[in-house]
């Protein structure tokens, strides 16, 4: 799906369950979103604030560091005017999905093992419309990772000395 995205397309992606998606292949998956942005698609990545609670999980530590290391690529895209944003939210966990426009989506239905189903507008337009509408509602309330303040970090439960705080506040490497 991401390979077909281009100018004018909107890709909506959610990260609601962290464990199965934070591993050694996280960078490869994230690069596909960056590539779609380079081709002109707008990428909206909505992340549950629950991600901040997994920082201490040693099983995903390496994948997490690798993924957070891509924050600079994200910042570079934005500097060049590309439409990529990652936002954090405290709302309910609803549809864990990746969709392109309101035409099709991969709906993740189980975490372990990861199980997903492909849904097209022709098959179930109501489900796609509901998923997109729900996403857009949470998106408007969410906070961009580039705009997080100390109060936001506190509200999201981010540890002051943690990796998330360092990377997202631009302190990493200082």
N, C-alpha and C. Protein backbone atom coordinates (compact mmCIF):
# COMPACT_ATOMS: atom_id res chain seq x y z
N UNK A 1 0.83 -1.19 0.00
CA UNK A 1 0.00 0.00 0.00
C UNK A 1 0.87 1.25 0.00
N UNK A 2 1.87 1.29 0.86
CA UNK A 2 2.70 2.50 0.97
C UNK A 2 3.48 2.76 -0.31
N UNK A 3 3.84 1.69 -1.01
CA UNK A 3 4.59 1.85 -2.25
C UNK A 3 3.76 2.54 -3.32
N UNK A 4 2.45 2.41 -3.25
CA UNK A 4 1.56 3.01 -4.26
C UNK A 4 1.16 4.44 -3.93
N UNK A 5 1.45 4.88 -2.73
CA UNK A 5 1.05 6.23 -2.30
C UNK A 5 1.89 7.28 -3.01
N UNK A 6 1.23 8.39 -3.33
CA UNK A 6 1.93 9.47 -4.01
C UNK A 6 1.29 10.82 -3.73
N UNK A 7 1.58 11.76 -4.59
CA UNK A 7 1.10 13.13 -4.45
C UNK A 7 -0.40 13.17 -4.19
N UNK A 8 -0.78 13.86 -3.12
CA UNK A 8 -2.19 14.05 -2.79
C UNK A 8 -2.81 12.96 -1.93
N UNK A 9 -2.13 11.85 -1.75
CA UNK A 9 -2.66 10.78 -0.90
C UNK A 9 -2.43 11.10 0.57
N UNK A 10 -3.35 10.64 1.41
CA UNK A 10 -3.19 10.77 2.86
C UNK A 10 -3.10 9.37 3.44
N UNK A 11 -2.00 9.12 4.11
CA UNK A 11 -1.82 7.84 4.80
C UNK A 11 -2.03 8.09 6.28
N UNK A 12 -2.94 7.32 6.85
CA UNK A 12 -3.20 7.39 8.29
C UNK A 12 -2.71 6.09 8.90
N UNK A 13 -1.91 6.21 9.94
CA UNK A 13 -1.39 5.01 10.61
C UNK A 13 -1.50 5.21 12.12
N UNK A 14 -1.86 4.14 12.80
CA UNK A 14 -1.92 4.21 14.26
C UNK A 14 -0.94 3.20 14.85
N UNK A 15 -0.43 3.55 16.00
CA UNK A 15 0.40 2.64 16.78
C UNK A 15 -0.24 2.57 18.16
N UNK A 16 -1.03 1.52 18.35
CA UNK A 16 -1.75 1.36 19.61
C UNK A 16 -1.11 0.32 20.51
N UNK A 17 -0.58 -0.73 19.89
CA UNK A 17 0.10 -1.80 20.63
C UNK A 17 1.56 -1.71 20.28
N UNK A 18 2.39 -1.58 21.25
CA UNK A 18 3.79 -1.30 20.98
C UNK A 18 4.62 -2.55 20.77
N UNK A 19 4.48 -3.52 21.63
CA UNK A 19 5.35 -4.68 21.64
C UNK A 19 5.69 -5.30 20.29
N UNK A 20 4.72 -5.72 19.51
CA UNK A 20 5.06 -6.43 18.27
C UNK A 20 5.63 -5.53 17.18
N UNK A 21 5.57 -4.23 17.36
CA UNK A 21 6.02 -3.34 16.30
C UNK A 21 7.37 -2.70 16.59
N UNK A 22 7.87 -2.87 17.79
CA UNK A 22 9.17 -2.30 18.15
C UNK A 22 10.17 -3.46 18.19
N UNK A 23 10.82 -3.67 17.06
CA UNK A 23 11.81 -4.74 16.96
C UNK A 23 12.89 -4.30 15.98
N UNK A 24 13.72 -5.23 15.57
CA UNK A 24 14.83 -4.89 14.68
C UNK A 24 14.37 -4.40 13.31
N UNK A 25 13.15 -4.72 12.92
CA UNK A 25 12.68 -4.29 11.59
C UNK A 25 11.90 -2.97 11.64
N UNK A 26 11.85 -2.33 12.80
CA UNK A 26 11.11 -1.07 12.95
C UNK A 26 11.59 0.00 11.98
N UNK A 27 12.91 0.11 11.82
CA UNK A 27 13.47 1.13 10.93
C UNK A 27 13.04 0.89 9.49
N UNK A 28 12.99 -0.36 9.08
CA UNK A 28 12.59 -0.68 7.71
C UNK A 28 11.14 -0.27 7.48
N UNK A 29 10.27 -0.62 8.44
CA UNK A 29 8.86 -0.25 8.31
C UNK A 29 8.70 1.27 8.29
N UNK A 30 9.42 1.96 9.16
CA UNK A 30 9.30 3.42 9.23
C UNK A 30 9.81 4.07 7.95
N UNK A 31 10.86 3.50 7.37
CA UNK A 31 11.41 4.05 6.13
C UNK A 31 10.37 4.02 5.02
N UNK A 32 9.50 3.03 5.01
CA UNK A 32 8.45 2.97 3.98
C UNK A 32 7.51 4.18 4.09
N UNK A 33 7.23 4.60 5.31
CA UNK A 33 6.41 5.80 5.50
C UNK A 33 7.16 7.03 5.03
N UNK A 34 8.45 7.11 5.35
CA UNK A 34 9.26 8.25 4.90
C UNK A 34 9.33 8.29 3.38
N UNK A 35 9.48 7.13 2.74
CA UNK A 35 9.53 7.07 1.28
C UNK A 35 8.23 7.57 0.66
N UNK A 36 7.10 7.20 1.25
CA UNK A 36 5.80 7.68 0.74
C UNK A 36 5.72 9.19 0.85
N UNK A 37 6.26 9.74 1.93
CA UNK A 37 6.28 11.20 2.10
C UNK A 37 7.14 11.85 1.03
N UNK A 38 8.27 11.25 0.73
CA UNK A 38 9.16 11.79 -0.31
C UNK A 38 8.46 11.81 -1.67
N UNK A 39 7.53 10.88 -1.90
CA UNK A 39 6.80 10.83 -3.17
C UNK A 39 5.58 11.75 -3.17
N UNK A 40 5.38 12.51 -2.09
CA UNK A 40 4.31 13.50 -2.08
C UNK A 40 3.10 13.16 -1.24
N UNK A 41 3.07 11.98 -0.64
CA UNK A 41 1.94 11.62 0.22
C UNK A 41 2.07 12.35 1.56
N UNK A 42 0.94 12.60 2.17
CA UNK A 42 0.92 13.14 3.54
C UNK A 42 0.77 11.97 4.49
N UNK A 43 1.68 11.85 5.44
CA UNK A 43 1.63 10.75 6.40
C UNK A 43 1.27 11.31 7.77
N UNK A 44 0.22 10.73 8.34
CA UNK A 44 -0.23 11.09 9.69
C UNK A 44 -0.09 9.84 10.55
N UNK A 45 0.83 9.90 11.48
CA UNK A 45 1.13 8.75 12.34
C UNK A 45 0.66 9.07 13.75
N UNK A 46 -0.37 8.38 14.21
CA UNK A 46 -1.00 8.63 15.50
C UNK A 46 -0.56 7.55 16.49
N UNK A 47 0.06 7.97 17.58
CA UNK A 47 0.68 7.04 18.52
C UNK A 47 0.03 7.18 19.90
N UNK A 48 -0.39 6.06 20.44
CA UNK A 48 -0.95 6.06 21.79
C UNK A 48 0.14 6.45 22.78
N UNK A 49 -0.21 7.30 23.74
CA UNK A 49 0.76 7.71 24.76
C UNK A 49 1.20 6.53 25.61
N UNK A 50 0.54 5.40 25.48
CA UNK A 50 0.97 4.19 26.20
C UNK A 50 2.39 3.78 25.83
N UNK A 51 2.87 4.22 24.67
CA UNK A 51 4.22 3.87 24.24
C UNK A 51 5.25 4.31 25.28
N UNK A 52 4.96 5.38 25.98
CA UNK A 52 5.92 5.90 26.95
C UNK A 52 6.11 4.96 28.14
N UNK A 53 5.18 4.04 28.34
CA UNK A 53 5.27 3.13 29.48
C UNK A 53 6.18 1.93 29.20
N UNK A 54 6.59 1.73 27.96
CA UNK A 54 7.38 0.54 27.61
C UNK A 54 8.88 0.80 27.60
N UNK A 55 9.27 2.00 27.93
CA UNK A 55 10.68 2.37 27.84
C UNK A 55 11.58 1.45 28.67
N UNK A 56 11.08 0.93 29.76
CA UNK A 56 11.88 0.06 30.64
C UNK A 56 11.90 -1.40 30.20
N UNK A 57 11.09 -1.76 29.21
CA UNK A 57 10.99 -3.15 28.77
C UNK A 57 12.26 -3.54 28.02
N UNK A 58 13.08 -4.38 28.63
CA UNK A 58 14.37 -4.75 28.05
C UNK A 58 14.22 -5.54 26.75
N UNK A 59 13.09 -6.22 26.56
CA UNK A 59 12.88 -7.02 25.36
C UNK A 59 12.79 -6.17 24.10
N UNK A 60 12.35 -4.93 24.24
CA UNK A 60 12.20 -4.07 23.06
C UNK A 60 13.15 -2.89 23.07
N UNK A 61 14.06 -2.86 24.02
CA UNK A 61 14.96 -1.71 24.18
C UNK A 61 15.75 -1.40 22.90
N UNK A 62 16.34 -2.41 22.27
CA UNK A 62 17.15 -2.18 21.08
C UNK A 62 16.30 -1.64 19.93
N UNK A 63 15.15 -2.24 19.70
CA UNK A 63 14.26 -1.76 18.65
C UNK A 63 13.76 -0.36 18.92
N UNK A 64 13.50 -0.06 20.17
CA UNK A 64 13.04 1.28 20.55
C UNK A 64 14.11 2.32 20.28
N UNK A 65 15.35 2.02 20.65
CA UNK A 65 16.44 2.96 20.39
C UNK A 65 16.63 3.17 18.90
N UNK A 66 16.52 2.10 18.14
CA UNK A 66 16.66 2.20 16.69
C UNK A 66 15.56 3.07 16.09
N UNK A 67 14.34 2.85 16.54
CA UNK A 67 13.21 3.61 16.03
C UNK A 67 13.32 5.08 16.42
N UNK A 68 13.65 5.35 17.65
CA UNK A 68 13.79 6.73 18.08
C UNK A 68 14.96 7.43 17.38
N UNK A 69 15.93 6.65 16.93
CA UNK A 69 17.04 7.21 16.18
C UNK A 69 16.60 7.81 14.85
N UNK A 70 15.41 7.47 14.40
CA UNK A 70 14.89 8.00 13.14
C UNK A 70 14.23 9.36 13.32
N UNK A 71 14.17 9.85 14.54
CA UNK A 71 13.55 11.16 14.80
C UNK A 71 14.22 12.25 13.96
N UNK A 72 15.52 12.14 13.74
CA UNK A 72 16.21 13.16 12.95
C UNK A 72 15.75 13.13 11.49
N UNK A 73 15.49 11.95 10.95
CA UNK A 73 14.96 11.85 9.58
C UNK A 73 13.62 12.57 9.52
N UNK A 74 12.79 12.34 10.52
CA UNK A 74 11.48 12.99 10.61
C UNK A 74 11.65 14.51 10.64
N UNK A 75 12.55 14.99 11.47
CA UNK A 75 12.80 16.44 11.55
C UNK A 75 13.28 16.99 10.21
N UNK A 76 14.15 16.26 9.54
CA UNK A 76 14.66 16.70 8.23
C UNK A 76 13.53 16.78 7.20
N UNK A 77 12.64 15.79 7.19
CA UNK A 77 11.49 15.83 6.28
C UNK A 77 10.68 17.09 6.50
N UNK A 78 10.39 17.38 7.75
CA UNK A 78 9.58 18.56 8.07
C UNK A 78 10.30 19.85 7.67
N UNK A 79 11.60 19.91 7.88
CA UNK A 79 12.39 21.09 7.50
C UNK A 79 12.28 21.35 6.00
N UNK A 80 12.20 20.27 5.23
CA UNK A 80 12.11 20.40 3.78
C UNK A 80 10.67 20.56 3.29
N UNK A 81 9.73 20.72 4.22
CA UNK A 81 8.34 20.97 3.85
C UNK A 81 7.54 19.73 3.49
N UNK A 82 8.07 18.56 3.77
CA UNK A 82 7.34 17.31 3.50
C UNK A 82 6.26 17.13 4.56
N UNK A 83 5.19 16.48 4.17
CA UNK A 83 4.03 16.34 5.05
C UNK A 83 4.07 15.01 5.80
N UNK A 84 4.80 15.02 6.88
CA UNK A 84 4.87 13.87 7.78
C UNK A 84 4.74 14.40 9.19
N UNK A 85 3.83 13.81 9.95
CA UNK A 85 3.71 14.21 11.35
C UNK A 85 3.42 12.97 12.18
N UNK A 86 4.02 12.92 13.34
CA UNK A 86 3.75 11.87 14.33
C UNK A 86 3.21 12.58 15.55
N UNK A 87 2.03 12.17 15.97
CA UNK A 87 1.38 12.80 17.11
C UNK A 87 1.04 11.77 18.17
N UNK A 88 1.10 12.22 19.42
CA UNK A 88 0.77 11.38 20.57
C UNK A 88 -0.59 11.79 21.12
N UNK A 89 -1.34 10.79 21.60
CA UNK A 89 -2.66 11.10 22.15
C UNK A 89 -2.97 10.20 23.33
N UNK A 90 -3.89 10.68 24.16
CA UNK A 90 -4.31 9.95 25.35
C UNK A 90 -5.70 9.33 25.20
N UNK A 91 -6.26 9.39 24.02
CA UNK A 91 -7.63 8.93 23.81
C UNK A 91 -7.78 7.42 23.81
N UNK A 92 -8.98 6.97 23.53
CA UNK A 92 -9.25 5.54 23.53
C UNK A 92 -8.53 4.83 22.38
N UNK A 93 -8.22 3.57 22.61
CA UNK A 93 -7.62 2.76 21.55
C UNK A 93 -8.78 2.21 20.71
N UNK A 94 -8.81 2.61 19.47
CA UNK A 94 -9.91 2.17 18.61
C UNK A 94 -9.37 1.30 17.48
N UNK A 95 -9.25 1.84 16.30
CA UNK A 95 -8.80 1.07 15.15
C UNK A 95 -7.29 1.14 15.02
N UNK A 96 -6.63 -0.01 15.08
CA UNK A 96 -5.20 -0.08 14.83
C UNK A 96 -5.06 -0.37 13.34
N UNK A 97 -4.67 0.64 12.58
CA UNK A 97 -4.78 0.52 11.14
C UNK A 97 -3.76 1.36 10.39
N UNK A 98 -3.60 1.02 9.13
CA UNK A 98 -2.90 1.86 8.16
C UNK A 98 -3.86 1.99 7.00
N UNK A 99 -4.20 3.22 6.64
CA UNK A 99 -5.14 3.42 5.54
C UNK A 99 -4.57 4.41 4.54
N UNK A 100 -5.05 4.30 3.33
CA UNK A 100 -4.69 5.27 2.30
C UNK A 100 -5.99 5.93 1.86
N UNK A 101 -6.01 7.25 2.04
CA UNK A 101 -7.21 8.04 1.79
C UNK A 101 -8.37 7.40 2.54
N UNK A 102 -9.50 7.26 1.87
CA UNK A 102 -10.61 6.52 2.48
C UNK A 102 -11.00 5.38 1.56
N UNK A 103 -9.98 4.81 0.92
CA UNK A 103 -10.22 3.76 -0.08
C UNK A 103 -9.93 2.35 0.42
N UNK A 104 -8.88 2.20 1.22
CA UNK A 104 -8.52 0.87 1.70
C UNK A 104 -7.70 0.99 2.98
N UNK A 105 -7.69 -0.11 3.74
CA UNK A 105 -6.90 -0.11 4.96
C UNK A 105 -6.52 -1.53 5.36
N UNK A 106 -5.39 -1.59 6.04
CA UNK A 106 -4.98 -2.82 6.72
C UNK A 106 -5.41 -2.62 8.16
N UNK A 107 -6.31 -3.44 8.62
CA UNK A 107 -6.83 -3.35 9.99
C UNK A 107 -6.17 -4.44 10.82
N UNK A 108 -5.42 -4.04 11.82
CA UNK A 108 -4.72 -4.99 12.68
C UNK A 108 -5.72 -5.42 13.75
N UNK A 109 -5.95 -6.73 13.82
CA UNK A 109 -7.01 -7.21 14.71
C UNK A 109 -6.49 -8.00 15.90
N UNK A 110 -5.23 -8.38 15.89
CA UNK A 110 -4.65 -9.08 17.04
C UNK A 110 -3.17 -8.74 17.15
N UNK A 111 -2.70 -8.73 18.38
CA UNK A 111 -1.32 -8.33 18.65
C UNK A 111 -0.34 -9.51 18.62
N UNK A 112 -0.75 -10.65 19.15
CA UNK A 112 0.19 -11.76 19.25
C UNK A 112 -0.50 -13.07 18.95
N UNK A 113 -0.29 -13.64 17.78
CA UNK A 113 0.57 -13.11 16.72
C UNK A 113 -0.13 -11.96 15.99
N UNK A 114 0.68 -11.12 15.37
CA UNK A 114 0.11 -10.00 14.62
C UNK A 114 -0.78 -10.56 13.52
N UNK A 115 -2.03 -10.11 13.53
CA UNK A 115 -3.00 -10.56 12.55
C UNK A 115 -3.72 -9.33 12.01
N UNK A 116 -3.82 -9.27 10.69
CA UNK A 116 -4.47 -8.11 10.06
C UNK A 116 -5.37 -8.59 8.94
N UNK A 117 -6.26 -7.72 8.55
CA UNK A 117 -7.13 -8.00 7.42
C UNK A 117 -7.13 -6.78 6.51
N UNK A 118 -7.25 -7.03 5.21
CA UNK A 118 -7.27 -5.98 4.21
C UNK A 118 -8.73 -5.64 3.90
N UNK A 119 -9.07 -4.37 3.97
CA UNK A 119 -10.45 -3.95 3.74
C UNK A 119 -10.45 -2.86 2.68
N UNK A 120 -11.33 -3.00 1.71
CA UNK A 120 -11.47 -1.99 0.66
C UNK A 120 -12.81 -1.29 0.80
N UNK A 121 -12.91 -0.13 0.18
CA UNK A 121 -14.16 0.63 0.20
C UNK A 121 -15.28 -0.21 -0.41
N UNK A 122 -14.98 -0.94 -1.46
CA UNK A 122 -16.00 -1.76 -2.10
C UNK A 122 -16.52 -2.86 -1.19
N UNK A 123 -15.68 -3.36 -0.30
CA UNK A 123 -16.07 -4.43 0.60
C UNK A 123 -16.85 -3.91 1.81
N UNK A 124 -16.35 -2.83 2.43
CA UNK A 124 -17.00 -2.33 3.65
C UNK A 124 -16.76 -0.83 3.81
N UNK A 125 -17.51 -0.01 3.06
CA UNK A 125 -17.30 1.44 3.13
C UNK A 125 -17.60 2.03 4.51
N UNK A 126 -18.56 1.47 5.23
CA UNK A 126 -18.90 2.00 6.55
C UNK A 126 -17.74 1.84 7.53
N UNK A 127 -17.07 0.70 7.49
CA UNK A 127 -15.95 0.47 8.40
C UNK A 127 -14.80 1.42 8.08
N UNK A 128 -14.49 1.59 6.81
CA UNK A 128 -13.42 2.51 6.43
C UNK A 128 -13.77 3.93 6.84
N UNK A 129 -15.00 4.36 6.56
CA UNK A 129 -15.40 5.72 6.93
C UNK A 129 -15.32 5.94 8.44
N UNK A 130 -15.76 4.94 9.21
CA UNK A 130 -15.72 5.06 10.66
C UNK A 130 -14.28 5.11 11.17
N UNK A 131 -13.41 4.28 10.62
CA UNK A 131 -12.01 4.26 11.04
C UNK A 131 -11.33 5.59 10.72
N UNK A 132 -11.57 6.13 9.53
CA UNK A 132 -10.97 7.41 9.14
C UNK A 132 -11.52 8.55 9.99
N UNK A 133 -12.82 8.55 10.21
CA UNK A 133 -13.44 9.60 11.02
C UNK A 133 -12.92 9.56 12.46
N UNK A 134 -12.82 8.37 13.02
CA UNK A 134 -12.30 8.22 14.38
C UNK A 134 -10.85 8.68 14.46
N UNK A 135 -10.05 8.28 13.48
CA UNK A 135 -8.65 8.70 13.43
C UNK A 135 -8.56 10.22 13.39
N UNK A 136 -9.30 10.83 12.46
CA UNK A 136 -9.23 12.29 12.29
C UNK A 136 -9.63 13.04 13.55
N UNK A 137 -10.61 12.52 14.27
CA UNK A 137 -11.05 13.15 15.52
C UNK A 137 -9.92 13.13 16.56
N UNK A 138 -9.27 11.99 16.72
CA UNK A 138 -8.16 11.88 17.67
C UNK A 138 -6.95 12.68 17.19
N UNK A 139 -6.74 12.73 15.89
CA UNK A 139 -5.62 13.46 15.31
C UNK A 139 -5.69 14.94 15.68
N UNK A 140 -6.87 15.50 15.61
CA UNK A 140 -7.03 16.93 15.92
C UNK A 140 -6.70 17.24 17.38
N UNK A 141 -6.92 16.28 18.27
CA UNK A 141 -6.65 16.50 19.69
C UNK A 141 -5.22 16.14 20.08
N UNK A 142 -4.52 15.42 19.22
CA UNK A 142 -3.19 14.90 19.54
C UNK A 142 -2.12 15.99 19.46
N UNK A 143 -0.96 15.68 20.00
CA UNK A 143 0.15 16.64 20.07
C UNK A 143 1.33 16.13 19.23
N UNK A 144 1.81 16.97 18.32
CA UNK A 144 2.94 16.60 17.47
C UNK A 144 4.18 16.34 18.31
N UNK A 145 4.93 15.34 17.91
CA UNK A 145 6.17 15.04 18.63
C UNK A 145 7.16 16.19 18.58
N UNK A 146 7.02 17.07 17.60
CA UNK A 146 7.92 18.21 17.48
C UNK A 146 7.51 19.39 18.36
N UNK A 147 6.32 19.31 18.92
CA UNK A 147 5.79 20.42 19.72
C UNK A 147 5.59 20.08 21.19
N UNK A 148 6.14 18.98 21.64
CA UNK A 148 5.93 18.56 23.03
C UNK A 148 6.63 19.51 24.00
N UNK A 149 5.91 19.89 25.03
CA UNK A 149 6.43 20.78 26.07
C UNK A 149 6.70 19.96 27.34
N UNK A 150 7.39 20.53 28.31
CA UNK A 150 7.57 19.81 29.58
C UNK A 150 6.24 19.39 30.21
N UNK A 151 5.22 20.21 30.08
CA UNK A 151 3.90 19.85 30.61
C UNK A 151 3.31 18.66 29.86
N UNK A 152 3.52 18.60 28.54
CA UNK A 152 3.04 17.46 27.76
C UNK A 152 3.74 16.18 28.20
N UNK A 153 5.06 16.25 28.35
CA UNK A 153 5.80 15.07 28.80
C UNK A 153 5.25 14.57 30.13
N UNK A 154 4.97 15.49 31.02
CA UNK A 154 4.43 15.12 32.33
C UNK A 154 3.05 14.48 32.19
N UNK A 155 2.18 15.10 31.37
CA UNK A 155 0.83 14.57 31.17
C UNK A 155 0.85 13.17 30.55
N UNK A 156 1.81 12.93 29.67
CA UNK A 156 1.92 11.63 29.01
C UNK A 156 2.65 10.60 29.87
N UNK A 157 3.18 11.02 31.02
CA UNK A 157 3.88 10.10 31.90
C UNK A 157 5.29 9.75 31.45
N UNK A 158 5.93 10.66 30.73
CA UNK A 158 7.28 10.42 30.24
C UNK A 158 8.28 10.65 31.37
N UNK A 159 9.16 9.70 31.57
CA UNK A 159 10.19 9.82 32.61
C UNK A 159 11.15 10.95 32.26
N UNK A 160 11.44 11.85 33.19
CA UNK A 160 12.32 13.00 32.90
C UNK A 160 13.70 12.60 32.40
N UNK A 161 14.22 11.49 32.91
CA UNK A 161 15.57 11.07 32.52
C UNK A 161 15.56 10.03 31.41
N UNK A 162 14.40 9.72 30.86
CA UNK A 162 14.28 8.63 29.91
C UNK A 162 14.68 8.97 28.48
N UNK A 163 14.83 7.90 27.70
CA UNK A 163 15.22 8.02 26.30
C UNK A 163 14.20 8.81 25.49
N UNK A 164 12.91 8.56 25.72
CA UNK A 164 11.88 9.30 24.98
C UNK A 164 12.05 10.80 25.18
N UNK A 165 12.21 11.20 26.42
CA UNK A 165 12.33 12.63 26.74
C UNK A 165 13.54 13.23 26.03
N UNK A 166 14.66 12.53 26.08
CA UNK A 166 15.88 13.04 25.46
C UNK A 166 15.72 13.19 23.95
N UNK A 167 15.19 12.17 23.31
CA UNK A 167 15.07 12.20 21.85
C UNK A 167 14.02 13.20 21.41
N UNK A 168 12.84 13.16 22.01
CA UNK A 168 11.75 14.02 21.55
C UNK A 168 11.92 15.48 21.92
N UNK A 169 12.74 15.76 22.91
CA UNK A 169 13.00 17.16 23.27
C UNK A 169 14.24 17.70 22.57
N UNK A 170 14.88 16.84 21.77
CA UNK A 170 16.08 17.27 21.04
C UNK A 170 17.33 17.26 21.89
N UNK A 171 17.28 16.65 23.07
CA UNK A 171 18.44 16.62 23.96
C UNK A 171 19.40 15.48 23.62
N UNK A 172 18.97 14.50 22.84
CA UNK A 172 19.80 13.35 22.51
C UNK A 172 21.07 13.82 21.81
N UNK A 173 22.19 13.36 22.28
CA UNK A 173 23.47 13.72 21.68
C UNK A 173 24.05 15.01 22.21
N UNK A 174 23.35 15.69 23.13
CA UNK A 174 23.87 16.94 23.68
C UNK A 174 24.70 16.67 24.91
